[in-house]
Amino acid sequence: TVTGQPTVSPSVQVFAPSQEEIRSPNPYTVVCLITDFYPPGFLVQWKGGEDVIRSGVETTKASKQGDKYLASSYLKLTAAEYERNDSFTCEVTHENKKISKTVSKSGSC
C-alpha cells in the first residue's frame, strides 16, 4: 500500500433497468457504479423510496484501478418491487462520508 495517499471520495452513478429488461419477465436490476475512490473500504445501502432494501443486493469487492479503486452494487428486484417504488437510491459510505445518488423511474426513457 502507498502510505500517505490522500483519501479520495468515490463518484457514484445509478442506472435504472433498461427498457428491454423491463419488458422481459426476468428480475430487474438497478446498478450502482462506485468509482475513483481511496482507500478501498466502503459500505453500500440501497433504498426504495425512503425504505432500506436488504434483499437482492449484490456488491462487488473494490478492485484496483491505477492508484484508486472501483466497485459496483446490483439491486435485483421483481416487477412488483420495482413498481412499488418511484425511486431507488444507492447510498455509499466511505471514510465516514455518505454519498448518495437516486434514480427515478419517471426520468427513464
PDB file of N, CA and C in Angstrom:
ATOM      1  N   THR A   1       0.839  -1.205   0.000  1.00  0.00           N
ATOM      2  CA  THR A   1       0.000   0.000   0.000  1.00  0.00           C
ATOM      3  C   THR A   1       0.870   1.249   0.000  1.00  0.00           C
ATOM      4  N   VAL A   2       0.357   2.263  -0.622  1.00  0.00           N
ATOM      5  CA  VAL A   2       1.063   3.537  -0.662  1.00  0.00           C
ATOM      6  C   VAL A   2       0.703   4.287   0.611  1.00  0.00           C
ATOM      7  N   THR A   3       1.716   4.646   1.380  1.00  0.00           N
ATOM      8  CA  THR A   3       1.407   5.377   2.610  1.00  0.00           C
ATOM      9  C   THR A   3       1.262   6.851   2.272  1.00  0.00           C
ATOM     10  N   GLY A   4       0.410   7.495   3.031  1.00  0.00           N
ATOM     11  CA  GLY A   4       0.229   8.928   2.839  1.00  0.00           C
ATOM     12  C   GLY A   4      -0.582   9.293   1.610  1.00  0.00           C
ATOM     13  N   GLN A   5      -1.197   8.306   0.980  1.00  0.00           N
ATOM     14  CA  GLN A   5      -2.043   8.642  -0.173  1.00  0.00           C
ATOM     15  C   GLN A   5      -3.314   9.301   0.334  1.00  0.00           C
ATOM     16  N   PRO A   6      -3.685  10.432  -0.251  1.00  0.00           N
ATOM     17  CA  PRO A   6      -4.868  11.135   0.262  1.00  0.00           C
ATOM     18  C   PRO A   6      -6.159  10.358   0.019  1.00  0.00           C
ATOM     19  N   THR A   7      -7.112  10.598   0.906  1.00  0.00           N
ATOM     20  CA  THR A   7      -8.432   9.995   0.758  1.00  0.00           C
ATOM     21  C   THR A   7      -9.132  10.641  -0.432  1.00  0.00           C
ATOM     22  N   VAL A   8      -9.721   9.817  -1.264  1.00  0.00           N
ATOM     23  CA  VAL A   8     -10.483  10.328  -2.402  1.00  0.00           C
ATOM     24  C   VAL A   8     -11.893   9.755  -2.311  1.00  0.00           C
ATOM     25  N   SER A   9     -12.888  10.632  -2.280  1.00  0.00           N
ATOM     26  CA  SER A   9     -14.278  10.177  -2.207  1.00  0.00           C
ATOM     27  C   SER A   9     -14.712   9.619  -3.551  1.00  0.00           C
ATOM     28  N   PRO A  10     -15.542   8.590  -3.523  1.00  0.00           N
ATOM     29  CA  PRO A  10     -15.959   7.980  -4.787  1.00  0.00           C
ATOM     30  C   PRO A  10     -16.949   8.831  -5.559  1.00  0.00           C
ATOM     31  N   SER A  11     -16.965   8.630  -6.867  1.00  0.00           N
ATOM     32  CA  SER A  11     -18.087   9.183  -7.616  1.00  0.00           C
ATOM     33  C   SER A  11     -19.080   8.036  -7.779  1.00  0.00           C
ATOM     34  N   VAL A  12     -20.351   8.357  -7.627  1.00  0.00           N
ATOM     35  CA  VAL A  12     -21.402   7.344  -7.598  1.00  0.00           C
ATOM     36  C   VAL A  12     -22.394   7.627  -8.725  1.00  0.00           C
ATOM     37  N   GLN A  13     -22.710   6.593  -9.497  1.00  0.00           N
ATOM     38  CA  GLN A  13     -23.708   6.720 -10.564  1.00  0.00           C
ATOM     39  C   GLN A  13     -24.708   5.580 -10.426  1.00  0.00           C
ATOM     40  N   VAL A  14     -25.970   5.878 -10.675  1.00  0.00           N
ATOM     41  CA  VAL A  14     -27.000   4.844 -10.579  1.00  0.00           C
ATOM     42  C   VAL A  14     -27.730   4.751 -11.918  1.00  0.00           C
ATOM     43  N   PHE A  15     -27.943   3.510 -12.355  1.00  0.00           N
ATOM     44  CA  PHE A  15     -28.610   3.275 -13.631  1.00  0.00           C
ATOM     45  C   PHE A  15     -29.855   2.427 -13.428  1.00  0.00           C
ATOM     46  N   ALA A  16     -30.963   2.901 -13.960  1.00  0.00           N
ATOM     47  CA  ALA A  16     -32.226   2.157 -13.876  1.00  0.00           C
ATOM     48  C   ALA A  16     -32.195   1.003 -14.874  1.00  0.00           C
ATOM     49  N   PRO A  17     -33.083   0.031 -14.708  1.00  0.00           N
ATOM     50  CA  PRO A  17     -33.152  -1.074 -15.677  1.00  0.00           C
ATOM     51  C   PRO A  17     -33.465  -0.539 -17.073  1.00  0.00           C
ATOM     52  N   SER A  18     -32.948  -1.214 -18.080  1.00  0.00           N
ATOM     53  CA  SER A  18     -33.213  -0.801 -19.457  1.00  0.00           C
ATOM     54  C   SER A  18     -34.656  -1.148 -19.831  1.00  0.00           C
ATOM     55  N   GLN A  19     -35.124  -0.535 -20.902  1.00  0.00           N
ATOM     56  CA  GLN A  19     -36.488  -0.820 -21.376  1.00  0.00           C
ATOM     57  C   GLN A  19     -36.643  -2.290 -21.770  1.00  0.00           C
ATOM     58  N   GLU A  20     -35.585  -2.868 -22.364  1.00  0.00           N
ATOM     59  CA  GLU A  20     -35.643  -4.291 -22.741  1.00  0.00           C
ATOM     60  C   GLU A  20     -35.832  -5.144 -21.490  1.00  0.00           C
ATOM     61  N   GLU A  21     -35.101  -4.769 -20.440  1.00  0.00           N
ATOM     62  CA  GLU A  21     -35.176  -5.529 -19.192  1.00  0.00           C
ATOM     63  C   GLU A  21     -36.582  -5.432 -18.594  1.00  0.00           C
ATOM     64  N   ILE A  22     -37.162  -4.241 -18.676  1.00  0.00           N
ATOM     65  CA  ILE A  22     -38.492  -4.020 -18.108  1.00  0.00           C
ATOM     66  C   ILE A  22     -39.550  -4.825 -18.877  1.00  0.00           C
ATOM     67  N   ARG A  23     -39.305  -5.019 -20.171  1.00  0.00           N
ATOM     68  CA  ARG A  23     -40.260  -5.800 -20.967  1.00  0.00           C
ATOM     69  C   ARG A  23     -40.112  -7.303 -20.762  1.00  0.00           C
ATOM     70  N   SER A  24     -38.976  -7.732 -20.226  1.00  0.00           N
ATOM     71  CA  SER A  24     -38.742  -9.170 -20.044  1.00  0.00           C
ATOM     72  C   SER A  24     -39.263  -9.623 -18.684  1.00  0.00           C
ATOM     73  N   PRO A  25     -39.501 -10.927 -18.511  1.00  0.00           N
ATOM     74  CA  PRO A  25     -40.035 -11.416 -17.230  1.00  0.00           C
ATOM     75  C   PRO A  25     -38.969 -11.587 -16.142  1.00  0.00           C
ATOM     76  N   ASN A  26     -37.703 -11.371 -16.490  1.00  0.00           N
ATOM     77  CA  ASN A  26     -36.620 -11.558 -15.512  1.00  0.00           C
ATOM     78  C   ASN A  26     -36.663 -10.483 -14.436  1.00  0.00           C
ATOM     79  N   PRO A  27     -35.945 -10.706 -13.337  1.00  0.00           N
ATOM     80  CA  PRO A  27     -35.849  -9.648 -12.326  1.00  0.00           C
ATOM     81  C   PRO A  27     -35.193  -8.410 -12.935  1.00  0.00           C
ATOM     82  N   TYR A  28     -35.582  -7.258 -12.463  1.00  0.00           N
ATOM     83  CA  TYR A  28     -34.982  -6.010 -12.924  1.00  0.00           C
ATOM     84  C   TYR A  28     -33.722  -5.762 -12.101  1.00  0.00           C
ATOM     85  N   THR A  29     -32.755  -5.084 -12.712  1.00  0.00           N
ATOM     86  CA  THR A  29     -31.531  -4.771 -11.978  1.00  0.00           C
ATOM     87  C   THR A  29     -31.274  -3.275 -12.017  1.00  0.00           C
ATOM     88  N   VAL A  30     -31.080  -2.682 -10.844  1.00  0.00           N
ATOM     89  CA  VAL A  30     -30.642  -1.295 -10.747  1.00  0.00           C
ATOM     90  C   VAL A  30     -29.156  -1.382 -10.411  1.00  0.00           C
ATOM     91  N   VAL A  31     -28.330  -0.637 -11.145  1.00  0.00           N
ATOM     92  CA  VAL A  31     -26.880  -0.746 -10.989  1.00  0.00           C
ATOM     93  C   VAL A  31     -26.318   0.532 -10.378  1.00  0.00           C
ATOM     94  N   CYS A  32     -25.420   0.349  -9.419  1.00  0.00           N
ATOM     95  CA  CYS A  32     -24.737   1.483  -8.791  1.00  0.00           C
ATOM     96  C   CYS A  32     -23.243   1.334  -9.066  1.00  0.00           C
ATOM     97  N   LEU A  33     -22.658   2.297  -9.769  1.00  0.00           N
ATOM     98  CA  LEU A  33     -21.220   2.270 -10.036  1.00  0.00           C
ATOM     99  C   LEU A  33     -20.520   3.201  -9.064  1.00  0.00           C
ATOM    100  N   ILE A  34     -19.497   2.673  -8.417  1.00  0.00           N
ATOM    101  CA  ILE A  34     -18.751   3.421  -7.399  1.00  0.00           C
ATOM    102  C   ILE A  34     -17.310   3.467  -7.898  1.00  0.00           C
ATOM    103  N   THR A  35     -16.841   4.646  -8.289  1.00  0.00           N
ATOM    104  CA  THR A  35     -15.530   4.709  -8.938  1.00  0.00           C
ATOM    105  C   THR A  35     -14.613   5.762  -8.333  1.00  0.00           C
ATOM    106  N   ASP A  36     -13.317   5.580  -8.618  1.00  0.00           N
ATOM    107  CA  ASP A  36     -12.277   6.555  -8.254  1.00  0.00           C
ATOM    108  C   ASP A  36     -12.234   6.879  -6.775  1.00  0.00           C
ATOM    109  N   PHE A  37     -12.103   5.855  -5.935  1.00  0.00           N
ATOM    110  CA  PHE A  37     -12.015   6.150  -4.504  1.00  0.00           C
ATOM    111  C   PHE A  37     -10.794   5.494  -3.875  1.00  0.00           C
ATOM    112  N   TYR A  38     -10.386   6.047  -2.751  1.00  0.00           N
ATOM    113  CA  TYR A  38      -9.267   5.530  -1.961  1.00  0.00           C
ATOM    114  C   TYR A  38      -9.471   5.990  -0.526  1.00  0.00           C
ATOM    115  N   PRO A  39      -9.219   5.190   0.464  1.00  0.00           N
ATOM    116  CA  PRO A  39      -8.870   3.759   0.449  1.00  0.00           C
ATOM    117  C   PRO A  39     -10.048   2.865   0.031  1.00  0.00           C
ATOM    118  N   PRO A  40      -9.800   1.535  -0.113  1.00  0.00           N
ATOM    119  CA  PRO A  40     -10.808   0.659  -0.704  1.00  0.00           C
ATOM    120  C   PRO A  40     -12.027   0.303   0.143  1.00  0.00           C
ATOM    121  N   GLY A  41     -12.027   0.578   1.435  1.00  0.00           N
ATOM    122  CA  GLY A  41     -13.174   0.189   2.262  1.00  0.00           C
ATOM    123  C   GLY A  41     -14.398   1.053   2.004  1.00  0.00           C
ATOM    124  N   PHE A  42     -15.564   0.435   1.883  1.00  0.00           N
ATOM    125  CA  PHE A  42     -16.807   1.198   1.681  1.00  0.00           C
ATOM    126  C   PHE A  42     -18.004   0.327   2.055  1.00  0.00           C
ATOM    127  N   LEU A  43     -19.146   0.963   2.247  1.00  0.00           N
ATOM    128  CA  LEU A  43     -20.403   0.248   2.507  1.00  0.00           C
ATOM    129  C   LEU A  43     -21.457   0.782   1.557  1.00  0.00           C
ATOM    130  N   VAL A  44     -22.356  -0.097   1.138  1.00  0.00           N
ATOM    131  CA  VAL A  44     -23.443   0.330   0.262  1.00  0.00           C
ATOM    132  C   VAL A  44     -24.771   0.006   0.919  1.00  0.00           C
ATOM    133  N   GLN A  45     -25.695   0.952   0.849  1.00  0.00           N
ATOM    134  CA  GLN A  45     -27.056   0.694   1.305  1.00  0.00           C
ATOM    135  C   GLN A  45     -28.008   1.161   0.206  1.00  0.00           C
ATOM    136  N   TRP A  46     -28.979   0.315  -0.104  1.00  0.00           N
ATOM    137  CA  TRP A  46     -29.978   0.661  -1.117  1.00  0.00           C
ATOM    138  C   TRP A  46     -31.278   1.074  -0.446  1.00  0.00           C
ATOM    139  N   LYS A  47     -31.957   2.020  -1.082  1.00  0.00           N
ATOM    140  CA  LYS A  47     -33.277   2.414  -0.594  1.00  0.00           C
ATOM    141  C   LYS A  47     -34.251   2.447  -1.758  1.00  0.00           C
ATOM    142  N   GLY A  48     -35.460   2.003  -1.483  1.00  0.00           N
ATOM    143  CA  GLY A  48     -36.560   2.149  -2.431  1.00  0.00           C
ATOM    144  C   GLY A  48     -37.456   3.204  -1.818  1.00  0.00           C
ATOM    145  N   GLY A  49     -37.514   4.378  -2.438  1.00  0.00           N
ATOM    146  CA  GLY A  49     -38.180   5.499  -1.778  1.00  0.00           C
ATOM    147  C   GLY A  49     -37.378   5.827  -0.529  1.00  0.00           C
ATOM    148  N   GLU A  50     -38.013   5.762   0.644  1.00  0.00           N
ATOM    149  CA  GLU A  50     -37.312   6.030   1.905  1.00  0.00           C
ATOM    150  C   GLU A  50     -36.934   4.751   2.644  1.00  0.00           C
ATOM    151  N   ASP A  51     -37.370   3.605   2.124  1.00  0.00           N
ATOM    152  CA  ASP A  51     -37.167   2.348   2.851  1.00  0.00           C
ATOM    153  C   ASP A  51     -35.891   1.639   2.436  1.00  0.00           C
ATOM    154  N   VAL A  52     -35.167   1.157   3.427  1.00  0.00           N
ATOM    155  CA  VAL A  52     -33.943   0.410   3.154  1.00  0.00           C
ATOM    156  C   VAL A  52     -34.301  -0.948   2.559  1.00  0.00           C
ATOM    157  N   ILE A  53     -33.588  -1.322   1.505  1.00  0.00           N
ATOM    158  CA  ILE A  53     -33.792  -2.631   0.873  1.00  0.00           C
ATOM    159  C   ILE A  53     -32.576  -3.493   1.188  1.00  0.00           C
ATOM    160  N   ARG A  54     -32.823  -4.655   1.763  1.00  0.00           N
ATOM    161  CA  ARG A  54     -31.705  -5.529   2.126  1.00  0.00           C
ATOM    162  C   ARG A  54     -31.601  -6.770   1.251  1.00  0.00           C
ATOM    163  N   SER A  55     -32.721  -7.192   0.681  1.00  0.00           N
ATOM    164  CA  SER A  55     -32.673  -8.426  -0.111  1.00  0.00           C
ATOM    165  C   SER A  55     -32.398  -8.108  -1.576  1.00  0.00           C
ATOM    166  N   GLY A  56     -31.771  -9.045  -2.257  1.00  0.00           N
ATOM    167  CA  GLY A  56     -31.494  -8.871  -3.680  1.00  0.00           C
ATOM    168  C   GLY A  56     -30.334  -7.948  -3.979  1.00  0.00           C
ATOM    169  N   VAL A  57     -29.506  -7.673  -2.969  1.00  0.00           N
ATOM    170  CA  VAL A  57     -28.366  -6.771  -3.163  1.00  0.00           C
ATOM    171  C   VAL A  57     -27.085  -7.583  -3.329  1.00  0.00           C
ATOM    172  N   GLU A  58     -26.322  -7.239  -4.352  1.00  0.00           N
ATOM    173  CA  GLU A  58     -25.027  -7.880  -4.582  1.00  0.00           C
ATOM    174  C   GLU A  58     -24.005  -6.785  -4.804  1.00  0.00           C
ATOM    175  N   THR A  59     -22.973  -6.750  -3.973  1.00  0.00           N
ATOM    176  CA  THR A  59     -21.952  -5.716  -4.113  1.00  0.00           C
ATOM    177  C   THR A  59     -20.600  -6.368  -4.342  1.00  0.00           C
ATOM    178  N   THR A  60     -19.868  -5.882  -5.332  1.00  0.00           N
ATOM    179  CA  THR A  60     -18.549  -6.446  -5.600  1.00  0.00           C
ATOM    180  C   THR A  60     -17.540  -5.883  -4.602  1.00  0.00           C
ATOM    181  N   LYS A  61     -16.416  -6.550  -4.488  1.00  0.00           N
ATOM    182  CA  LYS A  61     -15.317  -6.008  -3.681  1.00  0.00           C
ATOM    183  C   LYS A  61     -14.653  -4.908  -4.502  1.00  0.00           C
ATOM    184  N   ALA A  62     -13.972  -4.017  -3.817  1.00  0.00           N
ATOM    185  CA  ALA A  62     -13.257  -2.952  -4.517  1.00  0.00           C
ATOM    186  C   ALA A  62     -12.117  -3.551  -5.328  1.00  0.00           C
ATOM    187  N   SER A  63     -12.008  -3.156  -6.582  1.00  0.00           N
ATOM    188  CA  SER A  63     -10.871  -3.623  -7.372  1.00  0.00           C
ATOM    189  C   SER A  63     -10.017  -2.423  -7.766  1.00  0.00           C
ATOM    190  N   LYS A  64      -8.724  -2.659  -7.804  1.00  0.00           N
ATOM    191  CA  LYS A  64      -7.770  -1.572  -8.011  1.00  0.00           C
ATOM    192  C   LYS A  64      -7.772  -1.139  -9.468  1.00  0.00           C
ATOM    193  N   GLN A  65      -7.776   0.159  -9.652  1.00  0.00           N
ATOM    194  CA  GLN A  65      -7.650   0.706 -10.992  1.00  0.00           C
ATOM    195  C   GLN A  65      -6.673   1.862 -10.888  1.00  0.00           C
ATOM    196  N   GLY A  66      -5.437   1.626 -11.323  1.00  0.00           N
ATOM    197  CA  GLY A  66      -4.400   2.627 -11.121  1.00  0.00           C
ATOM    198  C   GLY A  66      -4.144   2.767  -9.635  1.00  0.00           C
ATOM    199  N   ASP A  67      -4.184   3.978  -9.118  1.00  0.00           N
ATOM    200  CA  ASP A  67      -3.962   4.167  -7.673  1.00  0.00           C
ATOM    201  C   ASP A  67      -5.271   4.362  -6.923  1.00  0.00           C
ATOM    202  N   LYS A  68      -6.396   4.114  -7.605  1.00  0.00           N
ATOM    203  CA  LYS A  68      -7.694   4.222  -6.940  1.00  0.00           C
ATOM    204  C   LYS A  68      -8.443   2.903  -7.081  1.00  0.00           C
ATOM    205  N   TYR A  69      -9.685   2.894  -6.579  1.00  0.00           N
ATOM    206  CA  TYR A  69     -10.476   1.664  -6.595  1.00  0.00           C
ATOM    207  C   TYR A  69     -11.831   1.900  -7.237  1.00  0.00           C
ATOM    208  N   LEU A  70     -12.440   0.803  -7.688  1.00  0.00           N
ATOM    209  CA  LEU A  70     -13.805   0.890  -8.191  1.00  0.00           C
ATOM    210  C   LEU A  70     -14.572  -0.346  -7.754  1.00  0.00           C
ATOM    211  N   ALA A  71     -15.878  -0.215  -7.694  1.00  0.00           N
ATOM    212  CA  ALA A  71     -16.736  -1.331  -7.293  1.00  0.00           C
ATOM    213  C   ALA A  71     -18.113  -1.082  -7.883  1.00  0.00           C
ATOM    214  N   SER A  72     -18.959  -2.093  -7.811  1.00  0.00           N
ATOM    215  CA  SER A  72     -20.343  -1.889  -8.221  1.00  0.00           C
ATOM    216  C   SER A  72     -21.279  -2.665  -7.321  1.00  0.00           C
ATOM    217  N   SER A  73     -22.504  -2.195  -7.275  1.00  0.00           N
ATOM    218  CA  SER A  73     -23.518  -2.858  -6.473  1.00  0.00           C
ATOM    219  C   SER A  73     -24.752  -3.026  -7.349  1.00  0.00           C
ATOM    220  N   TYR A  74     -25.377  -4.193  -7.226  1.00  0.00           N
ATOM    221  CA  TYR A  74     -26.545  -4.506  -8.052  1.00  0.00           C
ATOM    222  C   TYR A  74     -27.739  -4.761  -7.151  1.00  0.00           C
ATOM    223  N   LEU A  75     -28.857  -4.144  -7.500  1.00  0.00           N
ATOM    224  CA  LEU A  75     -30.094  -4.360  -6.762  1.00  0.00           C
ATOM    225  C   LEU A  75     -31.054  -5.096  -7.687  1.00  0.00           C
ATOM    226  N   LYS A  76     -31.342  -6.350  -7.344  1.00  0.00           N
ATOM    227  CA  LYS A  76     -32.246  -7.148  -8.180  1.00  0.00           C
ATOM    228  C   LYS A  76     -33.657  -7.079  -7.594  1.00  0.00           C
ATOM    229  N   LEU A  77     -34.621  -6.750  -8.444  1.00  0.00           N
ATOM    230  CA  LEU A  77     -35.997  -6.537  -7.992  1.00  0.00           C
ATOM    231  C   LEU A  77     -36.981  -7.310  -8.854  1.00  0.00           C
ATOM    232  N   THR A  78     -38.042  -7.764  -8.242  1.00  0.00           N
ATOM    233  CA  THR A  78     -39.143  -8.324  -9.028  1.00  0.00           C
ATOM    234  C   THR A  78     -39.913  -7.140  -9.610  1.00  0.00           C
ATOM    235  N   ALA A  79     -40.747  -7.421 -10.592  1.00  0.00           N
ATOM    236  CA  ALA A  79     -41.554  -6.357 -11.197  1.00  0.00           C
ATOM    237  C   ALA A  79     -42.387  -5.644 -10.136  1.00  0.00           C
ATOM    238  N   ALA A  80     -42.946  -6.422  -9.196  1.00  0.00           N
ATOM    239  CA  ALA A  80     -43.792  -5.829  -8.145  1.00  0.00           C
ATOM    240  C   ALA A  80     -42.983  -4.898  -7.249  1.00  0.00           C
ATOM    241  N   GLU A  81     -41.772  -5.318  -6.888  1.00  0.00           N
ATOM    242  CA  GLU A  81     -40.924  -4.473  -6.032  1.00  0.00           C
ATOM    243  C   GLU A  81     -40.539  -3.197  -6.771  1.00  0.00           C
ATOM    244  N   TYR A  82     -40.265  -3.345  -8.049  1.00  0.00           N
ATOM    245  CA  TYR A  82     -39.880  -2.185  -8.847  1.00  0.00           C
ATOM    246  C   TYR A  82     -41.041  -1.205  -8.959  1.00  0.00           C
ATOM    247  N   GLU A  83     -42.227  -1.736  -9.188  1.00  0.00           N
ATOM    248  CA  GLU A  83     -43.417  -0.893  -9.334  1.00  0.00           C
ATOM    249  C   GLU A  83     -43.776  -0.164  -8.044  1.00  0.00           C
ATOM    250  N   ARG A  84     -43.446  -0.775  -6.906  1.00  0.00           N
ATOM    251  CA  ARG A  84     -43.840  -0.233  -5.612  1.00  0.00           C
ATOM    252  C   ARG A  84     -43.123   1.082  -5.288  1.00  0.00           C
ATOM    253  N   ASN A  85     -41.963   1.302  -5.881  1.00  0.00           N
ATOM    254  CA  ASN A  85     -41.174   2.489  -5.543  1.00  0.00           C
ATOM    255  C   ASN A  85     -41.011   3.407  -6.744  1.00  0.00           C
ATOM    256  N   ASP A  86     -41.025   4.719  -6.470  1.00  0.00           N
ATOM    257  CA  ASP A  86     -40.840   5.692  -7.547  1.00  0.00           C
ATOM    258  C   ASP A  86     -39.374   5.965  -7.807  1.00  0.00           C
ATOM    259  N   SER A  87     -38.549   5.695  -6.797  1.00  0.00           N
ATOM    260  CA  SER A  87     -37.127   5.973  -6.964  1.00  0.00           C
ATOM    261  C   SER A  87     -36.302   4.972  -6.169  1.00  0.00           C
ATOM    262  N   PHE A  88     -35.046   4.842  -6.578  1.00  0.00           N
ATOM    263  CA  PHE A  88     -34.115   3.947  -5.890  1.00  0.00           C
ATOM    264  C   PHE A  88     -32.836   4.717  -5.627  1.00  0.00           C
ATOM    265  N   THR A  89     -32.317   4.562  -4.412  1.00  0.00           N
ATOM    266  CA  THR A  89     -31.127   5.302  -4.012  1.00  0.00           C
ATOM    267  C   THR A  89     -30.016   4.350  -3.618  1.00  0.00           C
ATOM    268  N   CYS A  90     -28.826   4.632  -4.132  1.00  0.00           N
ATOM    269  CA  CYS A  90     -27.627   3.901  -3.738  1.00  0.00           C
ATOM    270  C   CYS A  90     -26.849   4.846  -2.822  1.00  0.00           C
ATOM    271  N   GLU A  91     -26.687   4.428  -1.574  1.00  0.00           N
ATOM    272  CA  GLU A  91     -26.007   5.272  -0.587  1.00  0.00           C
ATOM    273  C   GLU A  91     -24.675   4.624  -0.231  1.00  0.00           C
ATOM    274  N   VAL A  92     -23.595   5.306  -0.556  1.00  0.00           N
ATOM    275  CA  VAL A  92     -22.255   4.771  -0.319  1.00  0.00           C
ATOM    276  C   VAL A  92     -21.631   5.497   0.860  1.00  0.00           C
ATOM    277  N   THR A  93     -21.159   4.726   1.835  1.00  0.00           N
ATOM    278  CA  THR A  93     -20.437   5.316   2.960  1.00  0.00           C
ATOM    279  C   THR A  93     -18.963   5.004   2.767  1.00  0.00           C
ATOM    280  N   HIS A  94     -18.147   6.054   2.729  1.00  0.00           N
ATOM    281  CA  HIS A  94     -16.712   5.900   2.506  1.00  0.00           C
ATOM    282  C   HIS A  94     -15.998   6.873   3.429  1.00  0.00           C
ATOM    283  N   GLU A  95     -15.140   6.341   4.309  1.00  0.00           N
ATOM    284  CA  GLU A  95     -14.389   7.199   5.240  1.00  0.00           C
ATOM    285  C   GLU A  95     -15.315   8.172   5.982  1.00  0.00           C
ATOM    286  N   ASN A  96     -16.384   7.648   6.556  1.00  0.00           N
ATOM    287  CA  ASN A  96     -17.356   8.437   7.335  1.00  0.00           C
ATOM    288  C   ASN A  96     -18.105   9.496   6.534  1.00  0.00           C
ATOM    289  N   LYS A  97     -18.040   9.410   5.225  1.00  0.00           N
ATOM    290  CA  LYS A  97     -18.756  10.368   4.393  1.00  0.00           C
ATOM    291  C   LYS A  97     -19.797   9.603   3.590  1.00  0.00           C
ATOM    292  N   LYS A  98     -21.010  10.149   3.515  1.00  0.00           N
ATOM    293  CA  LYS A  98     -22.074   9.481   2.754  1.00  0.00           C
ATOM    294  C   LYS A  98     -22.279  10.177   1.422  1.00  0.00           C
ATOM    295  N   ILE A  99     -22.336   9.377   0.382  1.00  0.00           N
ATOM    296  CA  ILE A  99     -22.612   9.912  -0.940  1.00  0.00           C
ATOM    297  C   ILE A  99     -23.792   9.125  -1.473  1.00  0.00           C
ATOM    298  N   SER A 100     -24.876   9.800  -1.812  1.00  0.00           N
ATOM    299  CA  SER A 100     -25.991   9.033  -2.360  1.00  0.00           C
ATOM    300  C   SER A 100     -26.440   9.584  -3.693  1.00  0.00           C
ATOM    301  N   LYS A 101     -26.849   8.661  -4.534  1.00  0.00           N
ATOM    302  CA  LYS A 101     -27.373   9.008  -5.853  1.00  0.00           C
ATOM    303  C   LYS A 101     -28.703   8.293  -5.998  1.00  0.00           C
ATOM    304  N   THR A 102     -29.667   8.988  -6.570  1.00  0.00           N
ATOM    305  CA  THR A 102     -31.004   8.427  -6.724  1.00  0.00           C
ATOM    306  C   THR A 102     -31.380   8.388  -8.195  1.00  0.00           C
ATOM    307  N   VAL A 103     -32.040   7.319  -8.572  1.00  0.00           N
ATOM    308  CA  VAL A 103     -32.582   7.249  -9.925  1.00  0.00           C
ATOM    309  C   VAL A 103     -34.101   7.160  -9.789  1.00  0.00           C
ATOM    310  N   SER A 104     -34.804   7.991 -10.561  1.00  0.00           N
ATOM    311  CA  SER A 104     -36.271   7.984 -10.513  1.00  0.00           C
ATOM    312  C   SER A 104     -36.799   7.285 -11.747  1.00  0.00           C
ATOM    313  N   LYS A 105     -37.901   6.595 -11.574  1.00  0.00           N
ATOM    314  CA  LYS A 105     -38.472   5.877 -12.706  1.00  0.00           C
ATOM    315  C   LYS A 105     -39.023   6.826 -13.755  1.00  0.00           C
ATOM    316  N   SER A 106     -39.558   7.946 -13.325  1.00  0.00           N
ATOM    317  CA  SER A 106     -40.184   8.867 -14.271  1.00  0.00           C
ATOM    318  C   SER A 106     -39.169   9.388 -15.286  1.00  0.00           C
ATOM    319  N   GLY A 107     -37.915   9.470 -14.863  1.00  0.00           N
ATOM    320  CA  GLY A 107     -36.890  10.026 -15.744  1.00  0.00           C
ATOM    321  C   GLY A 107     -36.309   9.041 -16.731  1.00  0.00           C
ATOM    322  N   SER A 108     -36.720   7.789 -16.686  1.00  0.00           N
ATOM    323  CA  SER A 108     -36.099   6.815 -17.592  1.00  0.00           C
ATOM    324  C   SER A 108     -36.780   6.850 -18.952  1.00  0.00           C
ATOM    325  N   CYS A 109     -35.968   6.878 -20.013  1.00  0.00           N
ATOM    326  CA  CYS A 109     -36.567   6.902 -21.346  1.00  0.00           C
ATOM    327  C   CYS A 109     -35.878   5.888 -22.247  1.00  0.00           C
TER     328      CYS A 109
END
